[in-house]
Protein backbone atom coordinates (compact mmCIF):
# COMPACT_ATOMS: atom_id res chain seq x y z
CA UNK A 1 103.89 113.82 111.80
CA UNK A 2 103.59 115.48 108.38
CA UNK A 3 102.23 112.98 105.88
CA UNK A 4 99.58 110.31 106.40
CA UNK A 5 98.48 107.48 104.11
CA UNK A 6 95.14 105.74 104.45
CA UNK A 7 95.97 102.51 102.69
CA UNK A 8 99.47 101.21 102.02
CA UNK A 9 99.23 99.13 98.83
CA UNK A 10 101.60 99.09 95.87
CA UNK A 11 101.09 102.71 94.79
CA UNK A 12 101.28 104.16 98.29
CA UNK A 13 104.38 102.08 98.98
CA UNK A 14 106.03 103.30 95.77
CA UNK A 15 105.36 106.93 96.69
CA UNK A 16 106.59 106.44 100.25
CA UNK A 17 109.79 104.75 99.05
CA UNK A 18 110.43 107.61 96.64
CA UNK A 19 109.89 110.21 99.36
CA UNK A 20 112.27 108.51 101.76
CA UNK A 21 114.96 107.50 99.25
CA UNK A 22 115.12 111.05 97.88
CA UNK A 23 115.38 112.59 101.34
CA UNK A 24 112.13 114.55 101.00
CA UNK A 25 110.85 113.34 104.37
CA UNK A 26 112.23 110.99 107.00
CA UNK A 27 110.43 107.70 107.61
CA UNK A 28 109.32 108.83 111.07
CA UNK A 29 107.48 111.76 109.49
CA UNK A 30 105.14 109.42 107.63
CA UNK A 31 102.23 107.51 109.16
CA UNK A 32 100.03 104.94 107.43
CA UNK A 33 97.07 102.72 108.16
CA UNK A 34 96.76 99.27 106.62
CA UNK A 35 93.80 96.95 106.25
CA UNK A 36 95.26 93.88 107.99
CA UNK A 37 97.75 93.16 110.77
CA UNK A 38 99.93 91.34 108.23
CA UNK A 39 100.11 94.37 105.92
CA UNK A 40 100.82 96.65 108.89
CA UNK A 41 103.77 94.49 109.91
CA UNK A 42 105.03 94.35 106.33
CA UNK A 43 104.85 98.14 105.90
CA UNK A 44 106.63 98.81 109.17
CA UNK A 45 109.40 96.30 108.39
CA UNK A 46 109.98 97.34 104.77
CA UNK A 47 109.48 101.11 105.04
CA UNK A 48 110.28 101.97 108.66
CA UNK A 49 107.34 104.37 108.85
CA UNK A 50 104.92 104.87 111.75
CA UNK A 51 101.95 102.52 111.58
CA UNK A 52 98.52 103.64 112.78
CA UNK A 53 95.94 101.38 114.33
CA UNK A 54 93.09 103.10 112.47
CA UNK A 55 92.30 105.50 109.63
CA UNK A 56 91.13 108.07 112.16
CA UNK A 57 94.52 107.98 113.87
CA UNK A 58 96.18 108.90 110.57
CA UNK A 59 93.93 111.94 110.25
CA UNK A 60 94.53 113.01 113.84
CA UNK A 61 98.33 112.88 113.50
CA UNK A 62 98.99 114.02 109.91
CA UNK A 63 98.92 117.43 108.28
CA UNK A 64 98.44 116.03 104.77
CA UNK A 65 96.29 112.94 104.21
CA UNK A 66 96.62 110.66 101.18
CA UNK A 67 93.58 108.52 100.36
CA UNK A 68 95.34 105.51 98.86
CA UNK A 69 92.39 103.11 98.74
CA UNK A 70 90.50 101.89 95.68
CA UNK A 71 87.76 104.29 94.48
CA UNK A 72 84.94 101.92 95.43
CA UNK A 73 85.98 102.32 99.08
CA UNK A 74 86.19 106.12 99.11
CA UNK A 75 82.65 106.70 100.35
CA UNK A 76 83.04 104.34 103.32
CA UNK A 77 86.49 105.65 104.29
CA UNK A 78 85.47 109.32 104.01
CA UNK A 79 82.38 108.66 106.15
CA UNK A 80 84.68 107.14 108.78
CA UNK A 81 87.12 110.08 108.94
CA UNK A 82 85.22 113.20 107.88
CA UNK A 83 84.33 114.35 111.40
CA UNK A 84 88.01 114.40 112.44
CA UNK A 85 89.37 116.05 109.27
CA UNK A 86 90.27 119.67 110.00
CA UNK A 87 89.93 122.64 107.67
CA UNK A 88 93.67 123.31 107.82
CA UNK A 89 94.50 119.84 106.51
CA UNK A 90 94.93 118.82 102.89
CA UNK A 91 93.55 115.65 101.27
CA UNK A 92 95.22 113.96 98.29
CA UNK A 93 93.49 111.20 96.32
CA UNK A 94 95.25 108.62 94.14
CA UNK A 95 92.31 106.98 92.38
CA UNK A 96 90.35 107.73 89.18
CA UNK A 97 86.67 108.46 88.88
CA UNK A 98 86.01 110.64 91.92
CA UNK A 99 85.62 114.31 91.00
CA UNK A 100 86.64 117.19 93.23
CA UNK A 101 83.00 118.24 93.65
CA UNK A 102 82.04 114.71 94.69
CA UNK A 103 84.89 114.56 97.20
CA UNK A 104 83.96 117.93 98.70
CA UNK A 105 80.33 116.81 99.03
CA UNK A 106 81.38 113.61 100.80
CA UNK A 107 83.44 115.52 103.37
CA UNK A 108 80.68 118.08 103.80
CA UNK A 109 83.07 120.97 104.37
CA UNK A 110 85.48 123.23 102.53
CA UNK A 111 88.80 121.42 102.34
CA UNK A 112 91.99 121.61 100.36
CA UNK A 113 91.73 118.62 98.01
CA UNK A 114 94.08 117.50 95.25
CA UNK A 115 93.15 114.75 92.80
CA UNK A 116 96.11 112.88 91.42
CA UNK A 117 96.53 110.13 88.85
CA UNK A 118 99.86 108.30 89.17
CA UNK A 119 100.93 105.17 87.31
CA UNK A 120 102.76 101.99 88.27
CA UNK A 121 106.22 102.99 86.91
CA UNK A 122 106.32 105.03 90.13
CA UNK A 123 107.50 101.74 91.63
CA UNK A 124 110.84 102.24 89.85
CA UNK A 125 110.79 106.05 90.26
CA UNK A 126 109.83 106.55 86.61
CA UNK A 127 106.19 107.40 87.20
CA UNK A 128 104.06 110.11 85.65
CA UNK A 129 101.52 111.78 87.93
CA UNK A 130 98.82 114.27 87.02
CA UNK A 131 97.83 116.73 89.76
CA UNK A 132 94.52 118.58 89.90
CA UNK A 133 93.89 120.97 92.85
CA UNK A 134 90.63 122.47 94.01
CA UNK A 135 90.33 126.28 94.54
CA UNK A 136 91.29 126.13 98.23
CA UNK A 137 94.77 124.77 97.49
CA UNK A 138 97.46 127.47 97.62
CA UNK A 139 100.57 127.72 95.48
CA UNK A 140 102.64 126.63 98.48
CA UNK A 141 100.38 123.63 99.03
CA UNK A 142 100.71 122.64 95.38
CA UNK A 143 104.49 123.02 95.50
CA UNK A 144 104.63 120.75 98.56
CA UNK A 145 102.53 118.02 96.94
CA UNK A 146 104.50 118.27 93.69
CA UNK A 147 107.77 117.86 95.59
CA UNK A 148 106.43 114.77 97.37
CA UNK A 149 105.23 113.12 94.18
CA UNK A 150 108.43 113.93 92.29
CA UNK A 151 110.09 111.40 94.56
CA UNK A 152 108.74 108.70 92.24
CA UNK A 153 108.79 110.44 88.85
CA UNK A 154 107.52 113.43 86.90
CA UNK A 155 104.51 115.56 87.86
CA UNK A 156 102.22 117.70 85.71
CA UNK A 157 99.38 119.98 86.84
CA UNK A 158 96.27 119.50 84.68
CA UNK A 159 92.71 120.89 84.73
CA UNK A 160 90.13 118.43 86.01
CA UNK A 161 88.47 118.17 82.57
CA UNK A 162 91.60 116.29 81.36
CA UNK A 163 91.87 113.81 84.20
CA UNK A 164 90.06 111.02 82.31
CA UNK A 165 92.41 111.52 79.36
CA UNK A 166 95.29 111.17 81.82
CA UNK A 167 93.86 107.86 83.04
CA UNK A 168 93.85 106.57 79.45
CA UNK A 169 97.21 107.90 78.30
CA UNK A 170 99.19 107.39 81.51
CA UNK A 171 97.39 105.72 84.40
CA UNK A 172 96.30 102.62 82.49
CA UNK A 173 98.77 102.70 79.61
CA UNK A 174 101.56 100.65 81.21
CA UNK A 175 99.28 97.64 80.61
CA UNK A 176 99.21 98.44 76.88
CA UNK A 177 103.00 98.64 76.81
CA UNK A 178 103.39 95.33 78.66
CA UNK A 179 101.19 93.67 76.03
CA UNK A 180 103.36 95.22 73.29
CA UNK A 181 106.56 93.99 74.96
CA UNK A 182 105.10 90.52 75.42
CA UNK A 183 103.98 90.35 71.78
CA UNK A 184 107.38 91.54 70.52
CA UNK A 185 109.13 88.97 72.69
CA UNK A 186 106.82 86.19 71.51
CA UNK A 187 107.67 87.02 67.90
CA UNK A 188 111.39 87.02 68.71
CA UNK A 189 111.01 83.62 70.41
CA UNK A 190 109.29 82.35 67.28
CA UNK A 191 112.41 83.45 65.38
CA UNK A 192 114.57 81.36 67.73
CA UNK A 193 115.62 83.85 70.41
CA UNK A 194 115.65 82.68 74.07
CA UNK A 195 112.66 84.19 75.94
CA UNK A 196 114.64 85.99 78.64
CA UNK A 197 116.80 87.63 76.00
CA UNK A 198 113.72 88.48 73.91
CA UNK A 199 112.11 90.33 76.83
CA UNK A 200 115.33 92.27 77.39
CA UNK A 201 115.58 93.35 73.74
CA UNK A 202 111.90 94.32 73.56
CA UNK A 203 111.81 96.20 76.88
CA UNK A 204 115.01 98.09 76.15
CA UNK A 205 113.69 99.10 72.72
CA UNK A 206 110.57 100.56 74.36
CA UNK A 207 112.58 102.33 77.05
CA UNK A 208 115.05 103.81 74.58
CA UNK A 209 112.35 104.92 72.16
CA UNK A 210 110.45 106.69 74.94
CA UNK A 211 113.64 108.41 76.05
CA UNK A 212 114.25 109.67 72.51
CA UNK A 213 110.76 111.22 72.39
CA UNK A 214 111.35 113.00 75.70
CA UNK A 215 114.95 114.10 75.17
CA UNK A 216 115.10 115.00 71.47
CA UNK A 217 111.84 116.94 71.36
CA UNK A 218 111.20 115.47 67.93
CA UNK A 219 107.70 114.43 66.82
CA UNK A 220 107.18 110.66 67.21
CA UNK A 221 106.34 110.49 63.50
CA UNK A 222 109.70 112.06 62.64
CA UNK A 223 111.52 109.56 64.85
CA UNK A 224 109.59 106.73 63.18
CA UNK A 225 110.61 108.02 59.75
CA UNK A 226 114.26 108.03 60.83
CA UNK A 227 114.07 104.24 61.32
CA UNK A 228 112.15 103.54 58.11
CA UNK A 229 114.77 103.34 55.38
CA UNK A 230 113.42 103.24 51.80
CA UNK A 231 112.75 99.64 50.79
CA UNK A 232 113.95 98.44 54.20
CA UNK A 233 112.78 96.04 56.87
CA UNK A 234 111.14 98.56 59.20
CA UNK A 235 108.78 100.08 56.65
CA UNK A 236 107.52 96.58 55.84
CA UNK A 237 106.71 96.03 59.52
CA UNK A 238 105.04 99.45 59.81
CA UNK A 239 102.95 98.68 56.72
CA UNK A 240 101.56 95.56 58.41
CA UNK A 241 100.85 97.44 61.64
CA UNK A 242 98.84 100.03 59.69
CA UNK A 243 96.99 97.37 57.67
CA UNK A 244 95.99 95.44 60.80
CA UNK A 245 94.73 98.52 62.66
CA UNK A 246 97.43 98.89 65.31
CA UNK A 247 97.04 102.65 65.61
CA UNK A 248 93.23 102.51 65.64
CA UNK A 249 93.20 99.72 68.23
CA UNK A 250 95.30 101.79 70.63
CA UNK A 251 93.08 104.83 70.17
CA UNK A 252 89.91 102.81 70.65
CA UNK A 253 91.30 101.19 73.80
CA UNK A 254 92.07 104.61 75.25
CA UNK A 255 88.60 105.89 74.39
CA UNK A 256 86.87 103.10 76.34
CA UNK A 257 89.36 103.54 79.18
CA UNK A 258 88.56 107.26 79.51
CA UNK A 259 84.83 106.55 79.30
CA UNK A 260 85.08 103.99 82.10
CA UNK A 261 86.96 106.53 84.22
CA UNK A 262 84.23 109.14 83.66
CA UNK A 263 81.55 106.75 84.85
CA UNK A 264 83.20 105.19 87.88
C-alpha cells in the first residue's frame, strides 16, 4: 500500500480520481479512512480503493499519508495517529492555516511534511496546487508528491511565506469566479437570454479568457486592451467596472481571505 488518505471528502476524492484515471497508481495501492460507514461504502463503490476501519490503520499500511480533514480537526487526528507514524513516512496536508512548524510540534518528531493548497477545479482535473515542503523532504520525495498531485491539475512549489497568498489567489478564488459568472448570467437573463444559455456563455468566456492568459503569455492588461475598441461597447463596460470599484473589491476580498488564513 503506497498512499493513504485520512478523510475522503470532495478534495481527497478529486485527487484520488486523478491519480487513478491518469495511471499514476492503481486503486488497490490507495487506502483511505472515512468518518462514517456510509461514506466508506460510497468511497469503495465509486473509487475501488481499499477502505480502512480507522485512521491508525491508514498510517500502519501507507508509506505516504495525506491529511484530508478540515484544519479544525488536525489536532485531534494527529493526536490519534502520531505514535504510529514512522520517521520514514511522509505526511501531506491539504488544508490552510496550519504551518509546518505547528505540524511538526503536533507530531513531536522529525518527519517529512509537505503543506499543500489545492482548489476545487481539481474535481475536473483543472486544479492548481501549491506545494511547500519542510527541510526533511528530499528532491525525490517532492517529485513523487508533485506527480501525484498533477493527476488533477498543475502544481507549483512555493515558500511557506506565500501560502496565505495562495489561499487567496487560488484556494478560495473559484468562489469569486462563480459569483462573477452568476452576475454575468443574471445580466444576460435581464437582456432576454435563457438562463441555461446565459451560464454557458458566461462560463465559456471565463474559461477562454483564462486560457488566453496562460497560453499567450501576454499581460492581462494587454489582453483587455485588445478587446476594448476605441468608442466601443467593451470600454464602456470597463469604465463602469472601474467606477464601481470592481478591481478594488477583488483585492480587498483577497486581503481578508489571506488574513483569515494566517490566523486559522
